[in-house]
């Protein structure tokens, strides 16, 4: 499967999530890229939107390679094999830095708006695709602390083994292209896949009705 852009992926994902329409739920896109899909899903399902903001911890010698992820307040999720091979003081500093960045982004994107109460609701986590799944797992752990009735992971594309691992942590995984023949990167599934700016994220969130 291939998508023109994140908007098309969000619209197709919304169709796959139709069974959740009318339920008491909240859509949680992962910034930045997931927000473009999340607003389409929130519109289609008539649900409010909030954010979970996981931040990748990159390897000290290859920052693009994730060895962990953390949210503003949730538990650290790591690739255990890799973490045993890095300096733990360095790791602690990175975790503190990324937590601070996640909080900065929440304030930038949502101002002083309090997180929506998730207790007893359906929480739908959305991203534009998954590779290792570390950032999504960090988001899942963060949400579990908010006690929703049900956690759903919604993604356009993911490797089969990653989706299976996530399925053990949540109530439902909705994927459009979950495959053993993963193409190596999320961008390989899109014709147009630029990085979103902070300004674009804010504009997308402001395009939804006031909550």
N, C-alpha and C. Protein backbone atom coordinates (compact mmCIF):
# COMPACT_ATOMS: atom_id res chain seq x y z
N UNK A 1 0.85 -1.20 0.00
CA UNK A 1 0.00 0.00 0.00
C UNK A 1 0.88 1.24 0.00
N UNK A 2 0.41 2.27 -0.70
CA UNK A 2 1.14 3.53 -0.76
C UNK A 2 0.16 4.68 -0.58
N UNK A 3 0.65 5.78 0.01
CA UNK A 3 -0.21 6.92 0.32
C UNK A 3 0.34 8.16 -0.39
N UNK A 4 -0.57 9.01 -0.85
CA UNK A 4 -0.13 10.29 -1.43
C UNK A 4 0.60 11.12 -0.38
N UNK A 5 -0.03 11.24 0.79
CA UNK A 5 0.52 12.06 1.86
C UNK A 5 -0.13 11.64 3.17
N UNK A 6 0.19 12.34 4.24
CA UNK A 6 -0.34 11.98 5.55
C UNK A 6 -1.85 12.19 5.63
N UNK A 7 -2.36 13.19 4.91
CA UNK A 7 -3.81 13.43 4.93
C UNK A 7 -4.56 12.23 4.38
N UNK A 8 -4.12 11.72 3.25
CA UNK A 8 -4.77 10.54 2.68
C UNK A 8 -4.66 9.34 3.63
N UNK A 9 -3.49 9.15 4.22
CA UNK A 9 -3.32 8.05 5.17
C UNK A 9 -4.27 8.19 6.35
N UNK A 10 -4.44 9.43 6.83
CA UNK A 10 -5.36 9.66 7.95
C UNK A 10 -6.79 9.36 7.59
N UNK A 11 -7.20 9.73 6.38
CA UNK A 11 -8.58 9.47 5.95
C UNK A 11 -8.84 7.98 5.81
N UNK A 12 -7.88 7.24 5.26
CA UNK A 12 -8.04 5.80 5.13
C UNK A 12 -8.03 5.11 6.49
N UNK A 13 -7.19 5.61 7.39
CA UNK A 13 -7.14 5.04 8.73
C UNK A 13 -8.44 5.32 9.48
N UNK A 14 -9.02 6.49 9.26
CA UNK A 14 -10.30 6.82 9.89
C UNK A 14 -11.38 5.82 9.46
N UNK A 15 -11.37 5.44 8.19
CA UNK A 15 -12.34 4.45 7.70
C UNK A 15 -12.14 3.11 8.41
N UNK A 16 -10.89 2.74 8.63
CA UNK A 16 -10.61 1.47 9.30
C UNK A 16 -11.00 1.50 10.78
N UNK A 17 -11.14 2.71 11.33
CA UNK A 17 -11.50 2.88 12.74
C UNK A 17 -13.00 3.16 12.93
N UNK A 18 -13.78 3.00 11.89
CA UNK A 18 -15.19 3.38 11.91
C UNK A 18 -15.95 2.75 13.07
N UNK A 19 -15.56 1.55 13.48
CA UNK A 19 -16.30 0.89 14.57
C UNK A 19 -16.20 1.64 15.89
N UNK A 20 -15.27 2.59 15.99
CA UNK A 20 -15.14 3.36 17.22
C UNK A 20 -15.95 4.66 17.18
N UNK A 21 -16.57 4.95 16.05
CA UNK A 21 -17.39 6.16 15.96
C UNK A 21 -18.53 6.08 16.99
N UNK A 22 -18.78 7.19 17.66
CA UNK A 22 -19.85 7.24 18.64
C UNK A 22 -19.46 6.79 20.03
N UNK A 23 -18.24 6.25 20.17
CA UNK A 23 -17.78 5.86 21.49
C UNK A 23 -17.13 7.05 22.19
N UNK A 24 -17.08 6.96 23.50
CA UNK A 24 -16.49 8.03 24.31
C UNK A 24 -14.97 7.86 24.26
N UNK A 25 -14.34 8.62 23.36
CA UNK A 25 -12.92 8.41 23.16
C UNK A 25 -12.16 9.70 22.92
N UNK A 26 -10.84 9.57 22.88
CA UNK A 26 -9.93 10.67 22.60
C UNK A 26 -8.89 10.17 21.61
N UNK A 27 -8.58 11.00 20.63
CA UNK A 27 -7.53 10.69 19.66
C UNK A 27 -6.23 11.33 20.13
N UNK A 28 -5.17 10.51 20.17
CA UNK A 28 -3.85 10.97 20.63
C UNK A 28 -2.82 10.78 19.51
N UNK A 29 -2.65 11.76 18.64
CA UNK A 29 -1.59 11.65 17.64
C UNK A 29 -0.22 11.95 18.26
N UNK A 30 0.81 11.33 17.70
CA UNK A 30 2.17 11.56 18.16
C UNK A 30 2.80 12.65 17.29
N UNK A 31 3.17 13.79 17.88
CA UNK A 31 3.80 14.85 17.09
C UNK A 31 5.21 14.43 16.63
N UNK A 32 5.64 14.94 15.48
CA UNK A 32 4.84 15.89 14.73
C UNK A 32 3.96 15.18 13.69
N UNK A 33 4.54 14.21 12.95
CA UNK A 33 3.87 13.65 11.79
C UNK A 33 2.50 13.07 12.06
N UNK A 34 2.32 12.46 13.23
CA UNK A 34 1.05 11.83 13.53
C UNK A 34 -0.12 12.80 13.63
N UNK A 35 0.17 14.08 13.84
CA UNK A 35 -0.90 15.06 14.01
C UNK A 35 -1.71 15.22 12.72
N UNK A 36 -1.04 15.14 11.57
CA UNK A 36 -1.76 15.28 10.30
C UNK A 36 -2.78 14.17 10.12
N UNK A 37 -2.47 12.96 10.60
CA UNK A 37 -3.42 11.86 10.54
C UNK A 37 -4.46 11.99 11.64
N UNK A 38 -4.01 12.40 12.82
CA UNK A 38 -4.90 12.46 13.97
C UNK A 38 -6.05 13.42 13.78
N UNK A 39 -5.82 14.57 13.12
CA UNK A 39 -6.91 15.51 12.94
C UNK A 39 -7.97 14.94 11.99
N UNK A 40 -7.55 14.16 10.99
CA UNK A 40 -8.51 13.52 10.10
C UNK A 40 -9.35 12.49 10.85
N UNK A 41 -8.72 11.74 11.72
CA UNK A 41 -9.42 10.72 12.49
C UNK A 41 -10.36 11.36 13.50
N UNK A 42 -9.89 12.41 14.18
CA UNK A 42 -10.74 13.11 15.15
C UNK A 42 -11.99 13.68 14.49
N UNK A 43 -11.83 14.24 13.29
CA UNK A 43 -12.98 14.77 12.55
C UNK A 43 -13.95 13.64 12.20
N UNK A 44 -13.42 12.56 11.64
CA UNK A 44 -14.26 11.47 11.15
C UNK A 44 -15.01 10.77 12.28
N UNK A 45 -14.36 10.61 13.42
CA UNK A 45 -14.97 9.88 14.54
C UNK A 45 -15.68 10.81 15.52
N UNK A 46 -15.60 12.13 15.26
CA UNK A 46 -16.20 13.12 16.15
C UNK A 46 -15.70 12.97 17.58
N UNK A 47 -14.38 12.86 17.70
CA UNK A 47 -13.73 12.74 19.00
C UNK A 47 -12.82 13.94 19.24
N UNK A 48 -12.62 14.31 20.49
CA UNK A 48 -11.63 15.36 20.79
C UNK A 48 -10.21 14.83 20.58
N UNK A 49 -9.28 15.75 20.53
CA UNK A 49 -7.88 15.39 20.29
C UNK A 49 -7.02 15.91 21.44
N UNK A 50 -6.04 15.13 21.80
CA UNK A 50 -5.03 15.53 22.78
C UNK A 50 -3.71 14.98 22.28
N UNK A 51 -2.65 15.22 23.00
CA UNK A 51 -1.34 14.77 22.54
C UNK A 51 -0.65 13.90 23.59
N UNK A 52 0.04 12.88 23.11
CA UNK A 52 1.08 12.21 23.88
C UNK A 52 2.36 12.47 23.10
N UNK A 53 3.40 12.91 23.79
CA UNK A 53 4.59 13.40 23.08
C UNK A 53 5.81 12.56 23.47
N UNK A 54 6.01 11.43 22.82
CA UNK A 54 7.22 10.65 23.09
C UNK A 54 8.42 11.24 22.36
N UNK A 55 9.57 11.07 22.95
CA UNK A 55 10.81 11.57 22.36
C UNK A 55 11.81 10.42 22.27
N UNK A 56 12.41 10.31 21.09
CA UNK A 56 13.40 9.26 20.86
C UNK A 56 14.70 9.56 21.58
N UNK A 57 15.31 8.53 22.13
CA UNK A 57 16.69 8.62 22.64
C UNK A 57 17.57 7.94 21.60
N UNK A 58 18.37 8.74 20.90
CA UNK A 58 19.23 8.19 19.86
C UNK A 58 20.54 7.67 20.42
N UNK A 59 21.14 6.72 19.73
CA UNK A 59 22.43 6.17 20.14
C UNK A 59 23.48 7.28 20.13
N UNK A 60 24.41 7.30 21.11
CA UNK A 60 25.39 8.39 21.17
C UNK A 60 26.27 8.50 19.93
N UNK A 61 26.48 7.39 19.21
CA UNK A 61 27.31 7.43 18.01
C UNK A 61 26.49 7.45 16.72
N UNK A 62 25.17 7.34 16.86
CA UNK A 62 24.29 7.36 15.68
C UNK A 62 22.91 7.85 16.15
N UNK A 63 22.74 9.16 16.27
CA UNK A 63 21.52 9.71 16.87
C UNK A 63 20.23 9.31 16.17
N UNK A 64 20.30 8.92 14.89
CA UNK A 64 19.09 8.51 14.19
C UNK A 64 18.63 7.12 14.60
N UNK A 65 19.51 6.36 15.22
CA UNK A 65 19.19 4.99 15.64
C UNK A 65 18.65 5.02 17.07
N UNK A 66 17.37 4.70 17.23
CA UNK A 66 16.72 4.80 18.54
C UNK A 66 17.14 3.63 19.44
N UNK A 67 17.56 3.98 20.65
CA UNK A 67 17.81 2.94 21.66
C UNK A 67 16.82 3.06 22.82
N UNK A 68 15.98 4.09 22.78
CA UNK A 68 14.99 4.27 23.83
C UNK A 68 14.03 5.39 23.46
N UNK A 69 13.03 5.57 24.29
CA UNK A 69 12.06 6.65 24.10
C UNK A 69 11.43 6.97 25.45
N UNK A 70 10.98 8.22 25.58
CA UNK A 70 10.40 8.67 26.84
C UNK A 70 9.38 9.76 26.54
N UNK A 71 8.37 9.88 27.40
CA UNK A 71 7.39 10.96 27.29
C UNK A 71 7.64 11.97 28.40
N UNK A 72 6.73 12.94 28.50
CA UNK A 72 6.87 13.96 29.54
C UNK A 72 6.98 13.36 30.93
N UNK A 73 6.10 12.39 31.21
CA UNK A 73 6.02 11.86 32.57
C UNK A 73 6.04 10.34 32.64
N UNK A 74 6.01 9.66 31.50
CA UNK A 74 5.92 8.20 31.51
C UNK A 74 7.26 7.51 31.71
N UNK A 75 7.20 6.18 31.73
CA UNK A 75 8.40 5.38 31.94
C UNK A 75 9.30 5.40 30.70
N UNK A 76 10.59 5.23 30.94
CA UNK A 76 11.56 5.08 29.86
C UNK A 76 11.40 3.70 29.25
N UNK A 77 11.33 3.63 27.92
CA UNK A 77 11.29 2.37 27.18
C UNK A 77 12.61 2.26 26.42
N UNK A 78 13.26 1.09 26.50
CA UNK A 78 14.59 0.97 25.90
C UNK A 78 14.74 -0.33 25.13
N UNK A 79 15.70 -0.29 24.22
CA UNK A 79 16.26 -1.50 23.63
C UNK A 79 17.31 -1.99 24.63
N UNK A 80 16.97 -3.01 25.38
CA UNK A 80 17.80 -3.42 26.51
C UNK A 80 19.22 -3.79 26.09
N UNK A 81 19.34 -4.45 24.95
CA UNK A 81 20.66 -4.88 24.48
C UNK A 81 21.56 -3.67 24.23
N UNK A 82 21.01 -2.61 23.63
CA UNK A 82 21.80 -1.42 23.33
C UNK A 82 22.12 -0.61 24.57
N UNK A 83 21.15 -0.50 25.47
CA UNK A 83 21.34 0.35 26.65
C UNK A 83 22.43 -0.16 27.57
N UNK A 84 22.64 -1.46 27.61
CA UNK A 84 23.71 -2.01 28.46
C UNK A 84 25.10 -1.61 27.95
N UNK A 85 25.15 -1.04 26.76
CA UNK A 85 26.43 -0.70 26.15
C UNK A 85 26.69 0.80 26.07
N UNK A 86 25.86 1.59 26.73
CA UNK A 86 26.10 3.04 26.75
C UNK A 86 26.31 3.50 28.19
N UNK A 87 26.90 4.66 28.33
CA UNK A 87 27.15 5.24 29.65
C UNK A 87 25.83 5.66 30.29
N UNK A 88 25.56 5.16 31.49
CA UNK A 88 24.26 5.42 32.12
C UNK A 88 24.10 6.88 32.54
N UNK A 89 25.20 7.56 32.86
CA UNK A 89 25.10 8.99 33.17
C UNK A 89 24.68 9.77 31.93
N UNK A 90 25.26 9.39 30.79
CA UNK A 90 24.84 10.00 29.52
C UNK A 90 23.36 9.75 29.27
N UNK A 91 22.92 8.53 29.52
CA UNK A 91 21.52 8.18 29.30
C UNK A 91 20.60 9.01 30.18
N UNK A 92 20.97 9.16 31.44
CA UNK A 92 20.15 9.98 32.35
C UNK A 92 20.02 11.41 31.86
N UNK A 93 21.13 11.96 31.35
CA UNK A 93 21.09 13.33 30.83
C UNK A 93 20.18 13.42 29.60
N UNK A 94 20.27 12.42 28.74
CA UNK A 94 19.42 12.42 27.54
C UNK A 94 17.94 12.32 27.90
N UNK A 95 17.63 11.47 28.86
CA UNK A 95 16.25 11.32 29.29
C UNK A 95 15.72 12.65 29.83
N UNK A 96 16.50 13.32 30.66
CA UNK A 96 16.07 14.61 31.22
C UNK A 96 15.88 15.64 30.11
N UNK A 97 16.79 15.65 29.14
CA UNK A 97 16.69 16.61 28.04
C UNK A 97 15.45 16.36 27.20
N UNK A 98 15.18 15.10 26.89
CA UNK A 98 14.03 14.79 26.03
C UNK A 98 12.70 15.00 26.77
N UNK A 99 12.66 14.73 28.07
CA UNK A 99 11.46 15.05 28.84
C UNK A 99 11.17 16.55 28.78
N UNK A 100 12.23 17.33 28.94
CA UNK A 100 12.06 18.79 28.89
C UNK A 100 11.56 19.22 27.51
N UNK A 101 12.09 18.61 26.45
CA UNK A 101 11.65 18.95 25.10
C UNK A 101 10.18 18.56 24.88
N UNK A 102 9.78 17.42 25.42
CA UNK A 102 8.37 17.01 25.29
C UNK A 102 7.46 18.01 25.99
N UNK A 103 7.86 18.49 27.16
CA UNK A 103 7.05 19.48 27.87
C UNK A 103 7.01 20.80 27.12
N UNK A 104 8.15 21.18 26.53
CA UNK A 104 8.19 22.41 25.74
C UNK A 104 7.21 22.33 24.58
N UNK A 105 7.19 21.18 23.92
CA UNK A 105 6.30 21.02 22.77
C UNK A 105 4.83 21.05 23.19
N UNK A 106 4.51 20.42 24.30
CA UNK A 106 3.12 20.47 24.76
C UNK A 106 2.68 21.92 24.99
N UNK A 107 3.53 22.68 25.66
CA UNK A 107 3.18 24.08 25.92
C UNK A 107 3.07 24.87 24.62
N UNK A 108 3.97 24.60 23.67
CA UNK A 108 3.94 25.30 22.39
C UNK A 108 2.68 24.96 21.60
N UNK A 109 2.35 23.67 21.55
CA UNK A 109 1.23 23.22 20.73
C UNK A 109 -0.13 23.48 21.37
N UNK A 110 -0.21 23.36 22.69
CA UNK A 110 -1.51 23.41 23.36
C UNK A 110 -1.64 24.54 24.37
N UNK A 111 -0.59 25.33 24.54
CA UNK A 111 -0.66 26.43 25.50
C UNK A 111 -0.83 25.90 26.91
N UNK A 112 -1.74 26.52 27.65
CA UNK A 112 -1.95 26.11 29.04
C UNK A 112 -3.11 25.13 29.18
N UNK A 113 -3.55 24.54 28.07
CA UNK A 113 -4.66 23.59 28.12
C UNK A 113 -4.26 22.34 28.89
N UNK A 114 -5.07 21.95 29.83
CA UNK A 114 -4.81 20.76 30.63
C UNK A 114 -5.06 19.50 29.78
N UNK A 115 -4.31 18.42 30.04
CA UNK A 115 -4.61 17.16 29.34
C UNK A 115 -6.05 16.73 29.59
N UNK A 116 -6.69 16.20 28.55
CA UNK A 116 -8.06 15.73 28.70
C UNK A 116 -8.09 14.49 29.59
N UNK A 117 -9.09 14.36 30.48
CA UNK A 117 -9.18 13.15 31.31
C UNK A 117 -9.44 11.93 30.43
N UNK A 118 -8.60 10.91 30.56
CA UNK A 118 -8.72 9.71 29.73
C UNK A 118 -9.40 8.56 30.46
N UNK A 119 -9.61 8.71 31.77
CA UNK A 119 -10.16 7.61 32.57
C UNK A 119 -11.46 7.07 32.01
N UNK A 120 -11.51 5.76 31.77
CA UNK A 120 -12.72 5.10 31.31
C UNK A 120 -13.05 5.31 29.84
N UNK A 121 -12.15 5.94 29.08
CA UNK A 121 -12.44 6.25 27.68
C UNK A 121 -11.62 5.36 26.73
N UNK A 122 -11.99 5.40 25.46
CA UNK A 122 -11.19 4.76 24.42
C UNK A 122 -10.10 5.74 24.01
N UNK A 123 -8.85 5.32 24.12
CA UNK A 123 -7.72 6.16 23.75
C UNK A 123 -7.12 5.61 22.46
N UNK A 124 -7.13 6.43 21.40
CA UNK A 124 -6.64 6.00 20.10
C UNK A 124 -5.32 6.70 19.81
N UNK A 125 -4.24 5.96 19.86
CA UNK A 125 -2.90 6.47 19.58
C UNK A 125 -2.63 6.38 18.09
N UNK A 126 -2.17 7.48 17.51
CA UNK A 126 -2.00 7.55 16.05
C UNK A 126 -0.60 8.04 15.71
N UNK A 127 0.03 7.37 14.73
CA UNK A 127 1.27 7.89 14.16
C UNK A 127 1.25 7.66 12.66
N UNK A 128 2.20 8.28 11.95
CA UNK A 128 2.21 8.15 10.49
C UNK A 128 2.88 6.87 10.02
N UNK A 129 3.36 6.08 10.94
CA UNK A 129 3.98 4.79 10.65
C UNK A 129 4.88 4.39 11.79
N UNK A 130 5.29 3.14 11.79
CA UNK A 130 6.10 2.60 12.88
C UNK A 130 7.24 1.79 12.29
N UNK A 131 8.41 1.92 12.89
CA UNK A 131 9.54 1.07 12.52
C UNK A 131 9.88 0.17 13.71
N UNK A 132 10.66 0.69 14.67
CA UNK A 132 11.02 -0.11 15.84
C UNK A 132 9.89 -0.20 16.85
N UNK A 133 9.04 0.84 16.91
CA UNK A 133 7.94 0.85 17.86
C UNK A 133 8.29 1.41 19.23
N UNK A 134 9.52 1.87 19.43
CA UNK A 134 9.93 2.35 20.76
C UNK A 134 9.14 3.60 21.18
N UNK A 135 8.97 4.56 20.26
CA UNK A 135 8.23 5.77 20.65
C UNK A 135 6.76 5.44 20.92
N UNK A 136 6.19 4.54 20.14
CA UNK A 136 4.80 4.16 20.39
C UNK A 136 4.67 3.43 21.72
N UNK A 137 5.62 2.59 22.06
CA UNK A 137 5.57 1.88 23.34
C UNK A 137 5.66 2.87 24.51
N UNK A 138 6.49 3.91 24.35
CA UNK A 138 6.56 4.94 25.39
C UNK A 138 5.22 5.65 25.53
N UNK A 139 4.57 5.93 24.40
CA UNK A 139 3.25 6.57 24.44
C UNK A 139 2.22 5.67 25.11
N UNK A 140 2.28 4.38 24.83
CA UNK A 140 1.35 3.42 25.44
C UNK A 140 1.51 3.42 26.96
N UNK A 141 2.74 3.38 27.42
CA UNK A 141 2.97 3.35 28.87
C UNK A 141 2.50 4.63 29.53
N UNK A 142 2.70 5.74 28.85
CA UNK A 142 2.21 7.02 29.38
C UNK A 142 0.70 6.98 29.52
N UNK A 143 0.02 6.50 28.48
CA UNK A 143 -1.44 6.47 28.51
C UNK A 143 -1.98 5.51 29.56
N UNK A 144 -1.30 4.41 29.77
CA UNK A 144 -1.77 3.45 30.78
C UNK A 144 -1.85 4.10 32.15
N UNK A 145 -0.98 5.06 32.41
CA UNK A 145 -1.03 5.77 33.69
C UNK A 145 -2.25 6.67 33.81
N UNK A 146 -2.93 6.92 32.69
CA UNK A 146 -4.14 7.77 32.70
C UNK A 146 -5.42 6.93 32.77
N UNK A 147 -5.27 5.61 32.76
CA UNK A 147 -6.37 4.65 33.01
C UNK A 147 -7.54 4.73 32.03
N UNK A 148 -7.26 4.70 30.73
CA UNK A 148 -8.37 4.59 29.78
C UNK A 148 -8.99 3.20 29.87
N UNK A 149 -10.22 3.08 29.37
CA UNK A 149 -10.87 1.77 29.35
C UNK A 149 -10.26 0.88 28.28
N UNK A 150 -9.76 1.49 27.21
CA UNK A 150 -9.26 0.73 26.07
C UNK A 150 -8.21 1.56 25.35
N UNK A 151 -7.10 0.93 24.96
CA UNK A 151 -6.06 1.61 24.18
C UNK A 151 -6.00 0.97 22.80
N UNK A 152 -6.10 1.82 21.78
CA UNK A 152 -6.04 1.37 20.39
C UNK A 152 -4.83 2.05 19.74
N UNK A 153 -4.00 1.28 19.04
CA UNK A 153 -2.92 1.83 18.24
C UNK A 153 -3.36 1.82 16.79
N UNK A 154 -3.30 2.98 16.14
CA UNK A 154 -3.73 3.11 14.75
C UNK A 154 -2.57 3.64 13.91
N UNK A 155 -2.14 2.84 12.93
CA UNK A 155 -1.00 3.22 12.10
C UNK A 155 -1.25 2.79 10.65
N UNK A 156 -0.77 3.57 9.69
CA UNK A 156 -0.91 3.15 8.30
C UNK A 156 -0.02 1.95 7.96
N UNK A 157 1.19 1.92 8.53
CA UNK A 157 2.15 0.89 8.14
C UNK A 157 3.04 0.51 9.33
N UNK A 158 3.37 -0.78 9.40
CA UNK A 158 4.26 -1.26 10.45
C UNK A 158 4.78 -2.64 10.06
N UNK A 159 5.99 -2.98 10.50
CA UNK A 159 6.46 -4.36 10.34
C UNK A 159 5.58 -5.32 11.15
N UNK A 160 5.39 -6.51 10.65
CA UNK A 160 4.54 -7.49 11.30
C UNK A 160 4.99 -7.77 12.73
N UNK A 161 6.29 -7.98 12.93
CA UNK A 161 6.76 -8.34 14.27
C UNK A 161 6.57 -7.20 15.26
N UNK A 162 6.75 -5.95 14.81
CA UNK A 162 6.54 -4.80 15.68
C UNK A 162 5.07 -4.69 16.06
N UNK A 163 4.18 -4.85 15.10
CA UNK A 163 2.74 -4.79 15.38
C UNK A 163 2.33 -5.88 16.36
N UNK A 164 2.91 -7.06 16.22
CA UNK A 164 2.58 -8.15 17.14
C UNK A 164 3.04 -7.84 18.56
N UNK A 165 4.21 -7.22 18.71
CA UNK A 165 4.68 -6.84 20.05
C UNK A 165 3.76 -5.79 20.65
N UNK A 166 3.35 -4.81 19.84
CA UNK A 166 2.45 -3.76 20.35
C UNK A 166 1.10 -4.35 20.75
N UNK A 167 0.64 -5.34 19.98
CA UNK A 167 -0.67 -5.95 20.27
C UNK A 167 -0.71 -6.61 21.64
N UNK A 168 0.45 -6.98 22.16
CA UNK A 168 0.50 -7.59 23.49
C UNK A 168 0.36 -6.55 24.60
N UNK A 169 0.50 -5.26 24.23
CA UNK A 169 0.46 -4.18 25.23
C UNK A 169 -0.83 -3.37 25.19
N UNK A 170 -1.63 -3.54 24.12
CA UNK A 170 -2.84 -2.73 23.97
C UNK A 170 -4.03 -3.63 23.66
N UNK A 171 -5.19 -3.01 23.53
CA UNK A 171 -6.42 -3.77 23.28
C UNK A 171 -6.68 -4.01 21.80
N UNK A 172 -6.15 -3.14 20.94
CA UNK A 172 -6.41 -3.30 19.52
C UNK A 172 -5.31 -2.58 18.74
N UNK A 173 -4.86 -3.20 17.66
CA UNK A 173 -3.94 -2.56 16.71
C UNK A 173 -4.64 -2.52 15.36
N UNK A 174 -4.84 -1.31 14.84
CA UNK A 174 -5.47 -1.13 13.54
C UNK A 174 -4.40 -0.63 12.58
N UNK A 175 -4.02 -1.46 11.63
CA UNK A 175 -2.99 -1.11 10.66
C UNK A 175 -3.48 -1.35 9.25
N UNK A 176 -3.11 -0.46 8.33
CA UNK A 176 -3.52 -0.61 6.94
C UNK A 176 -2.57 -1.52 6.17
N UNK A 177 -1.29 -1.47 6.49
CA UNK A 177 -0.29 -2.31 5.81
C UNK A 177 0.68 -2.82 6.87
N UNK A 178 0.33 -3.95 7.46
CA UNK A 178 1.18 -4.60 8.46
C UNK A 178 1.81 -5.80 7.75
N UNK A 179 3.13 -5.76 7.58
CA UNK A 179 3.74 -6.65 6.61
C UNK A 179 5.08 -7.23 7.08
N UNK A 180 5.36 -8.43 6.60
CA UNK A 180 6.68 -9.02 6.80
C UNK A 180 7.70 -8.44 5.82
N UNK A 181 7.21 -7.81 4.76
CA UNK A 181 8.08 -7.25 3.73
C UNK A 181 8.21 -5.73 3.91
N UNK A 182 8.54 -5.32 5.13
CA UNK A 182 8.65 -3.89 5.44
C UNK A 182 9.76 -3.26 4.60
N UNK A 183 9.50 -2.05 4.09
CA UNK A 183 10.42 -1.42 3.14
C UNK A 183 11.59 -0.68 3.78
N UNK A 184 11.71 -0.74 5.09
CA UNK A 184 12.88 -0.17 5.74
C UNK A 184 12.69 1.20 6.36
N UNK A 185 11.68 1.94 5.92
CA UNK A 185 11.42 3.26 6.50
C UNK A 185 9.97 3.63 6.24
N UNK A 186 9.43 4.46 7.11
CA UNK A 186 8.04 4.92 6.94
C UNK A 186 7.91 5.74 5.67
N UNK A 187 8.90 6.57 5.37
CA UNK A 187 8.81 7.46 4.20
C UNK A 187 8.67 6.69 2.89
N UNK A 188 9.11 5.44 2.87
CA UNK A 188 9.02 4.64 1.64
C UNK A 188 7.59 4.33 1.23
N UNK A 189 6.63 4.59 2.11
CA UNK A 189 5.22 4.31 1.84
C UNK A 189 4.45 5.55 1.40
N UNK A 190 5.13 6.70 1.30
CA UNK A 190 4.47 7.96 0.97
C UNK A 190 5.09 8.59 -0.27
N UNK A 191 4.24 9.19 -1.10
CA UNK A 191 4.75 9.98 -2.22
C UNK A 191 5.29 11.32 -1.74
N UNK A 192 4.62 11.89 -0.73
CA UNK A 192 4.99 13.21 -0.21
C UNK A 192 5.07 13.10 1.30
N UNK A 193 6.28 13.27 1.85
CA UNK A 193 6.48 12.99 3.28
C UNK A 193 7.47 13.97 3.90
N UNK A 194 7.16 15.28 3.85
CA UNK A 194 8.07 16.24 4.48
C UNK A 194 7.92 16.21 6.00
N UNK A 195 8.95 16.68 6.68
CA UNK A 195 8.84 16.86 8.12
C UNK A 195 7.89 18.02 8.39
N UNK A 196 6.97 17.83 9.33
CA UNK A 196 6.08 18.94 9.70
C UNK A 196 6.81 19.91 10.61
N UNK A 197 6.50 21.18 10.47
CA UNK A 197 7.06 22.19 11.37
C UNK A 197 6.15 22.37 12.58
N UNK A 198 6.67 23.02 13.60
CA UNK A 198 5.84 23.34 14.77
C UNK A 198 4.64 24.18 14.36
N UNK A 199 4.85 25.11 13.44
CA UNK A 199 3.77 25.99 13.00
C UNK A 199 2.67 25.19 12.30
N UNK A 200 3.05 24.20 11.53
CA UNK A 200 2.06 23.37 10.85
C UNK A 200 1.27 22.53 11.85
N UNK A 201 1.95 22.01 12.87
CA UNK A 201 1.25 21.25 13.91
C UNK A 201 0.22 22.13 14.60
N UNK A 202 0.60 23.33 14.97
CA UNK A 202 -0.32 24.25 15.65
C UNK A 202 -1.51 24.57 14.75
N UNK A 203 -1.25 24.81 13.46
CA UNK A 203 -2.35 25.13 12.53
C UNK A 203 -3.30 23.95 12.38
N UNK A 204 -2.78 22.74 12.33
CA UNK A 204 -3.63 21.55 12.24
C UNK A 204 -4.52 21.42 13.47
N UNK A 205 -3.95 21.60 14.64
CA UNK A 205 -4.72 21.50 15.87
C UNK A 205 -5.79 22.59 15.94
N UNK A 206 -5.45 23.78 15.48
CA UNK A 206 -6.40 24.89 15.52
C UNK A 206 -7.49 24.75 14.48
N UNK A 207 -7.31 23.86 13.50
CA UNK A 207 -8.33 23.65 12.48
C UNK A 207 -9.53 22.86 13.00
N UNK A 208 -9.37 22.23 14.16
CA UNK A 208 -10.45 21.46 14.75
C UNK A 208 -11.34 22.36 15.59
N UNK A 209 -12.61 21.98 15.79
CA UNK A 209 -13.49 22.77 16.66
C UNK A 209 -12.92 22.88 18.07
N UNK A 210 -13.21 23.97 18.75
CA UNK A 210 -12.75 24.16 20.12
C UNK A 210 -13.29 23.04 21.01
N UNK A 211 -12.44 22.59 21.95
CA UNK A 211 -12.79 21.48 22.81
C UNK A 211 -13.02 21.96 24.25
